[in-house]
mmCIF file of all heavy atoms, coordinates in Angstrom:
data_MODEL
# 
_entry.id   MODEL 
# 
loop_
_atom_site.group_PDB 
_atom_site.id 
_atom_site.type_symbol 
_atom_site.label_atom_id 
_atom_site.label_alt_id 
_atom_site.label_comp_id 
_atom_site.label_asym_id 
_atom_site.label_entity_id 
_atom_site.label_seq_id 
_atom_site.pdbx_PDB_ins_code 
_atom_site.Cartn_x 
_atom_site.Cartn_y 
_atom_site.Cartn_z 
_atom_site.occupancy 
_atom_site.B_iso_or_equiv 
_atom_site.pdbx_formal_charge 
_atom_site.auth_seq_id 
_atom_site.auth_comp_id 
_atom_site.auth_asym_id 
_atom_site.auth_atom_id 
_atom_site.pdbx_PDB_model_num 
ATOM 1   N N   . LEU A 1 1  ? -5.138 81.997 -157.503 1.00 0.00 ? 1  LEU A N   1 
ATOM 2   C CA  . LEU A 1 1  ? -6.244 81.106 -157.852 1.00 0.00 ? 1  LEU A CA  1 
ATOM 3   C C   . LEU A 1 1  ? -5.800 79.989 -158.788 1.00 0.00 ? 1  LEU A C   1 
ATOM 4   O O   . LEU A 1 1  ? -6.293 78.875 -158.738 1.00 0.00 ? 1  LEU A O   1 
ATOM 5   C CB  . LEU A 1 1  ? -7.385 81.902 -158.496 1.00 0.00 ? 1  LEU A CB  1 
ATOM 6   C CG  . LEU A 1 1  ? -8.176 82.835 -157.571 1.00 0.00 ? 1  LEU A CG  1 
ATOM 7   C CD1 . LEU A 1 1  ? -9.136 83.697 -158.373 1.00 0.00 ? 1  LEU A CD1 1 
ATOM 8   C CD2 . LEU A 1 1  ? -8.938 82.024 -156.521 1.00 0.00 ? 1  LEU A CD2 1 
ATOM 9   N N   . LEU A 1 2  ? -4.872 80.311 -159.687 1.00 0.00 ? 2  LEU A N   1 
ATOM 10  C CA  . LEU A 1 2  ? -4.475 79.341 -160.695 1.00 0.00 ? 2  LEU A CA  1 
ATOM 11  C C   . LEU A 1 2  ? -3.400 78.376 -160.206 1.00 0.00 ? 2  LEU A C   1 
ATOM 12  O O   . LEU A 1 2  ? -3.288 77.258 -160.682 1.00 0.00 ? 2  LEU A O   1 
ATOM 13  C CB  . LEU A 1 2  ? -3.958 80.073 -161.943 1.00 0.00 ? 2  LEU A CB  1 
ATOM 14  C CG  . LEU A 1 2  ? -5.023 80.839 -162.752 1.00 0.00 ? 2  LEU A CG  1 
ATOM 15  C CD1 . LEU A 1 2  ? -4.376 81.559 -163.928 1.00 0.00 ? 2  LEU A CD1 1 
ATOM 16  C CD2 . LEU A 1 2  ? -6.112 79.902 -163.241 1.00 0.00 ? 2  LEU A CD2 1 
ATOM 17  N N   . ILE A 1 3  ? -2.586 78.800 -159.242 1.00 0.00 ? 3  ILE A N   1 
ATOM 18  C CA  . ILE A 1 3  ? -1.509 77.932 -158.755 1.00 0.00 ? 3  ILE A CA  1 
ATOM 19  C C   . ILE A 1 3  ? -2.075 76.950 -157.736 1.00 0.00 ? 3  ILE A C   1 
ATOM 20  O O   . ILE A 1 3  ? -2.687 77.356 -156.753 1.00 0.00 ? 3  ILE A O   1 
ATOM 21  C CB  . ILE A 1 3  ? -0.384 78.759 -158.103 1.00 0.00 ? 3  ILE A CB  1 
ATOM 22  C CG1 . ILE A 1 3  ? 0.306  79.625 -159.159 1.00 0.00 ? 3  ILE A CG1 1 
ATOM 23  C CG2 . ILE A 1 3  ? 0.635  77.847 -157.423 1.00 0.00 ? 3  ILE A CG2 1 
ATOM 24  C CD1 . ILE A 1 3  ? 1.396  80.524 -158.601 1.00 0.00 ? 3  ILE A CD1 1 
ATOM 25  N N   . PRO A 1 4  ? -1.882 75.633 -157.941 1.00 0.00 ? 4  PRO A N   1 
ATOM 26  C CA  . PRO A 1 4  ? -2.384 74.664 -156.971 1.00 0.00 ? 4  PRO A CA  1 
ATOM 27  C C   . PRO A 1 4  ? -1.624 74.751 -155.665 1.00 0.00 ? 4  PRO A C   1 
ATOM 28  O O   . PRO A 1 4  ? -0.510 75.263 -155.606 1.00 0.00 ? 4  PRO A O   1 
ATOM 29  C CB  . PRO A 1 4  ? -2.151 73.319 -157.672 1.00 0.00 ? 4  PRO A CB  1 
ATOM 30  C CG  . PRO A 1 4  ? -1.010 73.573 -158.614 1.00 0.00 ? 4  PRO A CG  1 
ATOM 31  C CD  . PRO A 1 4  ? -1.164 75.001 -159.064 1.00 0.00 ? 4  PRO A CD  1 
ATOM 32  N N   . ASN A 1 5  ? -2.262 74.226 -154.607 1.00 0.00 ? 5  ASN A N   1 
ATOM 33  C CA  . ASN A 1 5  ? -1.571 74.224 -153.321 1.00 0.00 ? 5  ASN A CA  1 
ATOM 34  C C   . ASN A 1 5  ? -0.474 73.162 -153.322 1.00 0.00 ? 5  ASN A C   1 
ATOM 35  O O   . ASN A 1 5  ? -0.354 72.360 -154.239 1.00 0.00 ? 5  ASN A O   1 
ATOM 36  C CB  . ASN A 1 5  ? -2.562 74.016 -152.163 1.00 0.00 ? 5  ASN A CB  1 
ATOM 37  C CG  . ASN A 1 5  ? -3.284 72.684 -152.241 1.00 0.00 ? 5  ASN A CG  1 
ATOM 38  O OD1 . ASN A 1 5  ? -2.696 71.678 -152.625 1.00 0.00 ? 5  ASN A OD1 1 
ATOM 39  N ND2 . ASN A 1 5  ? -4.562 72.674 -151.894 1.00 0.00 ? 5  ASN A ND2 1 
ATOM 40  N N   . SER A 1 6  ? 0.309  73.124 -152.258 1.00 0.00 ? 6  SER A N   1 
ATOM 41  C CA  . SER A 1 6  ? 1.477  72.237 -152.227 1.00 0.00 ? 6  SER A CA  1 
ATOM 42  C C   . SER A 1 6  ? 1.088  70.773 -152.303 1.00 0.00 ? 6  SER A C   1 
ATOM 43  O O   . SER A 1 6  ? 1.778  69.977 -152.929 1.00 0.00 ? 6  SER A O   1 
ATOM 44  C CB  . SER A 1 6  ? 2.283  72.497 -150.953 1.00 0.00 ? 6  SER A CB  1 
ATOM 45  O OG  . SER A 1 6  ? 1.479  72.282 -149.797 1.00 0.00 ? 6  SER A OG  1 
ATOM 46  N N   . ALA A 1 7  ? -0.054 70.414 -151.667 1.00 0.00 ? 7  ALA A N   1 
ATOM 47  C CA  . ALA A 1 7  ? -0.494 69.013 -151.699 1.00 0.00 ? 7  ALA A CA  1 
ATOM 48  C C   . ALA A 1 7  ? -0.809 68.596 -153.126 1.00 0.00 ? 7  ALA A C   1 
ATOM 49  O O   . ALA A 1 7  ? -0.466 67.488 -153.562 1.00 0.00 ? 7  ALA A O   1 
ATOM 50  C CB  . ALA A 1 7  ? -1.716 68.823 -150.805 1.00 0.00 ? 7  ALA A CB  1 
ATOM 51  N N   . GLU A 1 8  ? -1.474 69.508 -153.887 1.00 0.00 ? 8  GLU A N   1 
ATOM 52  C CA  . GLU A 1 8  ? -1.806 69.197 -155.269 1.00 0.00 ? 8  GLU A CA  1 
ATOM 53  C C   . GLU A 1 8  ? -0.550 69.067 -156.117 1.00 0.00 ? 8  GLU A C   1 
ATOM 54  O O   . GLU A 1 8  ? -0.468 68.234 -157.014 1.00 0.00 ? 8  GLU A O   1 
ATOM 55  C CB  . GLU A 1 8  ? -2.728 70.278 -155.830 1.00 0.00 ? 8  GLU A CB  1 
ATOM 56  C CG  . GLU A 1 8  ? -4.124 70.261 -155.202 1.00 0.00 ? 8  GLU A CG  1 
ATOM 57  C CD  . GLU A 1 8  ? -4.969 71.440 -155.660 1.00 0.00 ? 8  GLU A CD  1 
ATOM 58  O OE1 . GLU A 1 8  ? -4.363 72.493 -155.953 1.00 0.00 ? 8  GLU A OE1 1 
ATOM 59  O OE2 . GLU A 1 8  ? -6.191 71.305 -155.734 1.00 0.00 ? 8  GLU A OE2 1 
ATOM 60  N N   . ILE A 1 9  ? 0.450  69.920 -155.839 1.00 0.00 ? 9  ILE A N   1 
ATOM 61  C CA  . ILE A 1 9  ? 1.708  69.852 -156.583 1.00 0.00 ? 9  ILE A CA  1 
ATOM 62  C C   . ILE A 1 9  ? 2.391  68.519 -156.339 1.00 0.00 ? 9  ILE A C   1 
ATOM 63  O O   . ILE A 1 9  ? 2.847  67.854 -157.271 1.00 0.00 ? 9  ILE A O   1 
ATOM 64  C CB  . ILE A 1 9  ? 2.633  71.018 -156.173 1.00 0.00 ? 9  ILE A CB  1 
ATOM 65  C CG1 . ILE A 1 9  ? 2.042  72.358 -156.635 1.00 0.00 ? 9  ILE A CG1 1 
ATOM 66  C CG2 . ILE A 1 9  ? 4.026  70.820 -156.764 1.00 0.00 ? 9  ILE A CG2 1 
ATOM 67  C CD1 . ILE A 1 9  ? 2.817  73.562 -156.151 1.00 0.00 ? 9  ILE A CD1 1 
ATOM 68  N N   . VAL A 1 10 ? 2.444  68.084 -155.078 1.00 0.00 ? 10 VAL A N   1 
ATOM 69  C CA  . VAL A 1 10 ? 3.076  66.804 -154.744 1.00 0.00 ? 10 VAL A CA  1 
ATOM 70  C C   . VAL A 1 10 ? 2.340  65.654 -155.420 1.00 0.00 ? 10 VAL A C   1 
ATOM 71  O O   . VAL A 1 10 ? 2.946  64.764 -156.023 1.00 0.00 ? 10 VAL A O   1 
ATOM 72  C CB  . VAL A 1 10 ? 3.093  66.602 -153.207 1.00 0.00 ? 10 VAL A CB  1 
ATOM 73  C CG1 . VAL A 1 10 ? 3.537  65.181 -152.878 1.00 0.00 ? 10 VAL A CG1 1 
ATOM 74  C CG2 . VAL A 1 10 ? 4.026  67.613 -152.559 1.00 0.00 ? 10 VAL A CG2 1 
ATOM 75  N N   . GLU A 1 11 ? 0.979  65.709 -155.360 1.00 0.00 ? 11 GLU A N   1 
ATOM 76  C CA  . GLU A 1 11 ? 0.192  64.628 -155.964 1.00 0.00 ? 11 GLU A CA  1 
ATOM 77  C C   . GLU A 1 11 ? 0.417  64.573 -157.462 1.00 0.00 ? 11 GLU A C   1 
ATOM 78  O O   . GLU A 1 11 ? 0.606  63.503 -158.036 1.00 0.00 ? 11 GLU A O   1 
ATOM 79  C CB  . GLU A 1 11 ? -1.296 64.844 -155.663 1.00 0.00 ? 11 GLU A CB  1 
ATOM 80  C CG  . GLU A 1 11 ? -2.173 63.718 -156.187 1.00 0.00 ? 11 GLU A CG  1 
ATOM 81  C CD  . GLU A 1 11 ? -3.634 63.945 -155.861 1.00 0.00 ? 11 GLU A CD  1 
ATOM 82  O OE1 . GLU A 1 11 ? -3.956 64.998 -155.292 1.00 0.00 ? 11 GLU A OE1 1 
ATOM 83  O OE2 . GLU A 1 11 ? -4.445 63.071 -156.198 1.00 0.00 ? 11 GLU A OE2 1 
ATOM 84  N N   . ALA A 1 12 ? 0.410  65.739 -158.119 1.00 0.00 ? 12 ALA A N   1 
ATOM 85  C CA  . ALA A 1 12 ? 0.624  65.777 -159.561 1.00 0.00 ? 12 ALA A CA  1 
ATOM 86  C C   . ALA A 1 12 ? 2.009  65.237 -159.915 1.00 0.00 ? 12 ALA A C   1 
ATOM 87  O O   . ALA A 1 12 ? 2.184  64.505 -160.877 1.00 0.00 ? 12 ALA A O   1 
ATOM 88  C CB  . ALA A 1 12 ? 0.457  67.202 -160.077 1.00 0.00 ? 12 ALA A CB  1 
ATOM 89  N N   . SER A 1 13 ? 2.994  65.600 -159.103 1.00 0.00 ? 13 SER A N   1 
ATOM 90  C CA  . SER A 1 13 ? 4.353  65.135 -159.344 1.00 0.00 ? 13 SER A CA  1 
ATOM 91  C C   . SER A 1 13 ? 4.444  63.617 -159.213 1.00 0.00 ? 13 SER A C   1 
ATOM 92  O O   . SER A 1 13 ? 5.076  62.951 -160.029 1.00 0.00 ? 13 SER A O   1 
ATOM 93  C CB  . SER A 1 13 ? 5.311  65.811 -158.359 1.00 0.00 ? 13 SER A CB  1 
ATOM 94  O OG  . SER A 1 13 ? 6.612  65.300 -158.504 1.00 0.00 ? 13 SER A OG  1 
ATOM 95  N N   . GLU A 1 14 ? 3.806  63.065 -158.188 1.00 0.00 ? 14 GLU A N   1 
ATOM 96  C CA  . GLU A 1 14 ? 3.817  61.612 -157.989 1.00 0.00 ? 14 GLU A CA  1 
ATOM 97  C C   . GLU A 1 14 ? 3.171  60.898 -159.163 1.00 0.00 ? 14 GLU A C   1 
ATOM 98  O O   . GLU A 1 14 ? 3.685  59.908 -159.669 1.00 0.00 ? 14 GLU A O   1 
ATOM 99  C CB  . GLU A 1 14 ? 3.099  61.264 -156.681 1.00 0.00 ? 14 GLU A CB  1 
ATOM 100 C CG  . GLU A 1 14 ? 3.858  61.644 -155.434 1.00 0.00 ? 14 GLU A CG  1 
ATOM 101 C CD  . GLU A 1 14 ? 3.073  61.344 -154.169 1.00 0.00 ? 14 GLU A CD  1 
ATOM 102 O OE1 . GLU A 1 14 ? 1.869  61.049 -154.288 1.00 0.00 ? 14 GLU A OE1 1 
ATOM 103 O OE2 . GLU A 1 14 ? 3.670  61.422 -153.090 1.00 0.00 ? 14 GLU A OE2 1 
ATOM 104 N N   . HIS A 1 15 ? 2.038  61.393 -159.623 1.00 0.00 ? 15 HIS A N   1 
ATOM 105 C CA  . HIS A 1 15 ? 1.350  60.759 -160.741 1.00 0.00 ? 15 HIS A CA  1 
ATOM 106 C C   . HIS A 1 15 ? 2.151  60.913 -162.025 1.00 0.00 ? 15 HIS A C   1 
ATOM 107 O O   . HIS A 1 15 ? 2.142  60.016 -162.866 1.00 0.00 ? 15 HIS A O   1 
ATOM 108 C CB  . HIS A 1 15 ? -0.050 61.346 -160.913 1.00 0.00 ? 15 HIS A CB  1 
ATOM 109 C CG  . HIS A 1 15 ? -1.025 60.840 -159.901 1.00 0.00 ? 15 HIS A CG  1 
ATOM 110 N ND1 . HIS A 1 15 ? -1.595 59.598 -159.996 1.00 0.00 ? 15 HIS A ND1 1 
ATOM 111 C CD2 . HIS A 1 15 ? -1.519 61.391 -158.773 1.00 0.00 ? 15 HIS A CD2 1 
ATOM 112 C CE1 . HIS A 1 15 ? -2.419 59.399 -158.965 1.00 0.00 ? 15 HIS A CE1 1 
ATOM 113 N NE2 . HIS A 1 15 ? -2.383 60.482 -158.212 1.00 0.00 ? 15 HIS A NE2 1 
ATOM 114 N N   . GLU A 1 16 ? 2.831  62.037 -162.167 1.00 0.00 ? 16 GLU A N   1 
ATOM 115 C CA  . GLU A 1 16 ? 3.654  62.255 -163.355 1.00 0.00 ? 16 GLU A CA  1 
ATOM 116 C C   . GLU A 1 16 ? 4.739  61.191 -163.449 1.00 0.00 ? 16 GLU A C   1 
ATOM 117 O O   . GLU A 1 16 ? 5.072  60.715 -164.552 1.00 0.00 ? 16 GLU A O   1 
ATOM 118 C CB  . GLU A 1 16 ? 4.274  63.657 -163.300 1.00 0.00 ? 16 GLU A CB  1 
ATOM 119 C CG  . GLU A 1 16 ? 4.970  64.068 -164.586 1.00 0.00 ? 16 GLU A CG  1 
ATOM 120 C CD  . GLU A 1 16 ? 4.003  64.249 -165.747 1.00 0.00 ? 16 GLU A CD  1 
ATOM 121 O OE1 . GLU A 1 16 ? 2.831  64.605 -165.499 1.00 0.00 ? 16 GLU A OE1 1 
ATOM 122 O OE2 . GLU A 1 16 ? 4.420  64.014 -166.899 1.00 0.00 ? 16 GLU A OE2 1 
ATOM 123 N N   . ASP A 1 17 ? 5.283  60.793 -162.311 1.00 0.00 ? 17 ASP A N   1 
ATOM 124 C CA  . ASP A 1 17 ? 6.333  59.779 -162.295 1.00 0.00 ? 17 ASP A CA  1 
ATOM 125 C C   . ASP A 1 17 ? 5.816  58.412 -162.754 1.00 0.00 ? 17 ASP A C   1 
ATOM 126 O O   . ASP A 1 17 ? 6.607  57.562 -163.164 1.00 0.00 ? 17 ASP A O   1 
ATOM 127 C CB  . ASP A 1 17 ? 6.915  59.638 -160.887 1.00 0.00 ? 17 ASP A CB  1 
ATOM 128 C CG  . ASP A 1 17 ? 7.691  60.870 -160.459 1.00 0.00 ? 17 ASP A CG  1 
ATOM 129 O OD1 . ASP A 1 17 ? 8.050  61.657 -161.356 1.00 0.00 ? 17 ASP A OD1 1 
ATOM 130 O OD2 . ASP A 1 17 ? 7.921  61.056 -159.252 1.00 0.00 ? 17 ASP A OD2 1 
ATOM 131 N N   . ARG A 1 18 ? 4.527  58.205 -162.661 1.00 0.00 ? 18 ARG A N   1 
ATOM 132 C CA  . ARG A 1 18 ? 3.967  56.902 -163.006 1.00 0.00 ? 18 ARG A CA  1 
ATOM 133 C C   . ARG A 1 18 ? 3.792  56.705 -164.518 1.00 0.00 ? 18 ARG A C   1 
ATOM 134 O O   . ARG A 1 18 ? 3.700  55.586 -164.991 1.00 0.00 ? 18 ARG A O   1 
ATOM 135 C CB  . ARG A 1 18 ? 2.602  56.727 -162.331 1.00 0.00 ? 18 ARG A CB  1 
ATOM 136 C CG  . ARG A 1 18 ? 2.660  56.654 -160.825 1.00 0.00 ? 18 ARG A CG  1 
ATOM 137 C CD  . ARG A 1 18 ? 1.267  56.545 -160.241 1.00 0.00 ? 18 ARG A CD  1 
ATOM 138 N NE  . ARG A 1 18 ? 1.283  56.498 -158.782 1.00 0.00 ? 18 ARG A NE  1 
ATOM 139 C CZ  . ARG A 1 18 ? 0.197  56.437 -158.024 1.00 0.00 ? 18 ARG A CZ  1 
ATOM 140 N NH1 . ARG A 1 18 ? -0.996 56.429 -158.597 1.00 0.00 ? 18 ARG A NH1 1 
ATOM 141 N NH2 . ARG A 1 18 ? 0.310  56.400 -156.709 1.00 0.00 ? 18 ARG A NH2 1 
ATOM 142 N N   . PHE A 1 19 ? 3.716  57.785 -165.259 1.00 0.00 ? 19 PHE A N   1 
ATOM 143 C CA  . PHE A 1 19 ? 3.406  57.676 -166.677 1.00 0.00 ? 19 PHE A CA  1 
ATOM 144 C C   . PHE A 1 19 ? 4.630  57.284 -167.492 1.00 0.00 ? 19 PHE A C   1 
ATOM 145 O O   . PHE A 1 19 ? 5.751  57.724 -167.238 1.00 0.00 ? 19 PHE A O   1 
ATOM 146 C CB  . PHE A 1 19 ? 2.842  59.009 -167.197 1.00 0.00 ? 19 PHE A CB  1 
ATOM 147 C CG  . PHE A 1 19 ? 1.421  59.257 -166.795 1.00 0.00 ? 19 PHE A CG  1 
ATOM 148 C CD1 . PHE A 1 19 ? 1.133  59.940 -165.620 1.00 0.00 ? 19 PHE A CD1 1 
ATOM 149 C CD2 . PHE A 1 19 ? 0.370  58.788 -167.571 1.00 0.00 ? 19 PHE A CD2 1 
ATOM 150 C CE1 . PHE A 1 19 ? -0.179 60.169 -165.237 1.00 0.00 ? 19 PHE A CE1 1 
ATOM 151 C CE2 . PHE A 1 19 ? -0.939 59.011 -167.189 1.00 0.00 ? 19 PHE A CE2 1 
ATOM 152 C CZ  . PHE A 1 19 ? -1.228 59.702 -166.018 1.00 0.00 ? 19 PHE A CZ  1 
ATOM 153 N N   . GLY A 1 20 ? 4.385  56.425 -168.506 1.00 0.00 ? 20 GLY A N   1 
ATOM 154 C CA  . GLY A 1 20 ? 5.441  56.050 -169.438 1.00 0.00 ? 20 GLY A CA  1 
ATOM 155 C C   . GLY A 1 20 ? 5.760  54.574 -169.417 1.00 0.00 ? 20 GLY A C   1 
ATOM 156 O O   . GLY A 1 20 ? 5.289  53.811 -168.572 1.00 0.00 ? 20 GLY A O   1 
ATOM 157 N N   . GLY A 1 21 ? 6.567  54.164 -170.368 1.00 0.00 ? 21 GLY A N   1 
ATOM 158 C CA  . GLY A 1 21 ? 7.019  52.780 -170.441 1.00 0.00 ? 21 GLY A CA  1 
ATOM 159 C C   . GLY A 1 21 ? 6.158  51.919 -171.341 1.00 0.00 ? 21 GLY A C   1 
ATOM 160 O O   . GLY A 1 21 ? 5.064  52.297 -171.752 1.00 0.00 ? 21 GLY A O   1 
ATOM 161 N N   . THR A 1 22 ? 6.681  50.743 -171.636 1.00 0.00 ? 22 THR A N   1 
ATOM 162 C CA  . THR A 1 22 ? 5.987  49.760 -172.462 1.00 0.00 ? 22 THR A CA  1 
ATOM 163 C C   . THR A 1 22 ? 5.796  48.480 -171.675 1.00 0.00 ? 22 THR A C   1 
ATOM 164 O O   . THR A 1 22 ? 6.755  47.967 -171.089 1.00 0.00 ? 22 THR A O   1 
ATOM 165 C CB  . THR A 1 22 ? 6.777  49.456 -173.745 1.00 0.00 ? 22 THR A CB  1 
ATOM 166 O OG1 . THR A 1 22 ? 6.854  50.642 -174.548 1.00 0.00 ? 22 THR A OG1 1 
ATOM 167 C CG2 . THR A 1 22 ? 6.106  48.351 -174.556 1.00 0.00 ? 22 THR A CG2 1 
ATOM 168 N N   . MET A 1 23 ? 4.581  48.006 -171.618 1.00 0.00 ? 23 MET A N   1 
ATOM 169 C CA  . MET A 1 23 ? 4.265  46.736 -170.956 1.00 0.00 ? 23 MET A CA  1 
ATOM 170 C C   . MET A 1 23 ? 4.344  45.625 -171.999 1.00 0.00 ? 23 MET A C   1 
ATOM 171 O O   . MET A 1 23 ? 3.517  45.553 -172.910 1.00 0.00 ? 23 MET A O   1 
ATOM 172 C CB  . MET A 1 23 ? 2.859  46.799 -170.352 1.00 0.00 ? 23 MET A CB  1 
ATOM 173 C CG  . MET A 1 23 ? 2.503  45.604 -169.493 1.00 0.00 ? 23 MET A CG  1 
ATOM 174 S SD  . MET A 1 23 ? 3.351  45.687 -167.900 1.00 0.00 ? 23 MET A SD  1 
ATOM 175 C CE  . MET A 1 23 ? 2.891  44.099 -167.195 1.00 0.00 ? 23 MET A CE  1 
ATOM 176 N N   . ASN A 1 24 ? 5.359  44.773 -171.880 1.00 0.00 ? 24 ASN A N   1 
ATOM 177 C CA  . ASN A 1 24 ? 5.549  43.659 -172.806 1.00 0.00 ? 24 ASN A CA  1 
ATOM 178 C C   . ASN A 1 24 ? 4.982  42.385 -172.195 1.00 0.00 ? 24 ASN A C   1 
ATOM 179 O O   . ASN A 1 24 ? 5.418  41.950 -171.128 1.00 0.00 ? 24 ASN A O   1 
ATOM 180 C CB  . ASN A 1 24 ? 7.031  43.477 -173.132 1.00 0.00 ? 24 ASN A CB  1 
ATOM 181 C CG  . ASN A 1 24 ? 7.573  44.633 -173.952 1.00 0.00 ? 24 ASN A CG  1 
ATOM 182 O OD1 . ASN A 1 24 ? 7.144  44.844 -175.075 1.00 0.00 ? 24 ASN A OD1 1 
ATOM 183 N ND2 . ASN A 1 24 ? 8.508  45.384 -173.387 1.00 0.00 ? 24 ASN A ND2 1 
# 
């Protein structure tokens, strides 16, 4: 119940890659 399905894991991973950096 607590472990997300593979699609959710992929989506979370993709969004994780987007976070970070400084916009100058």
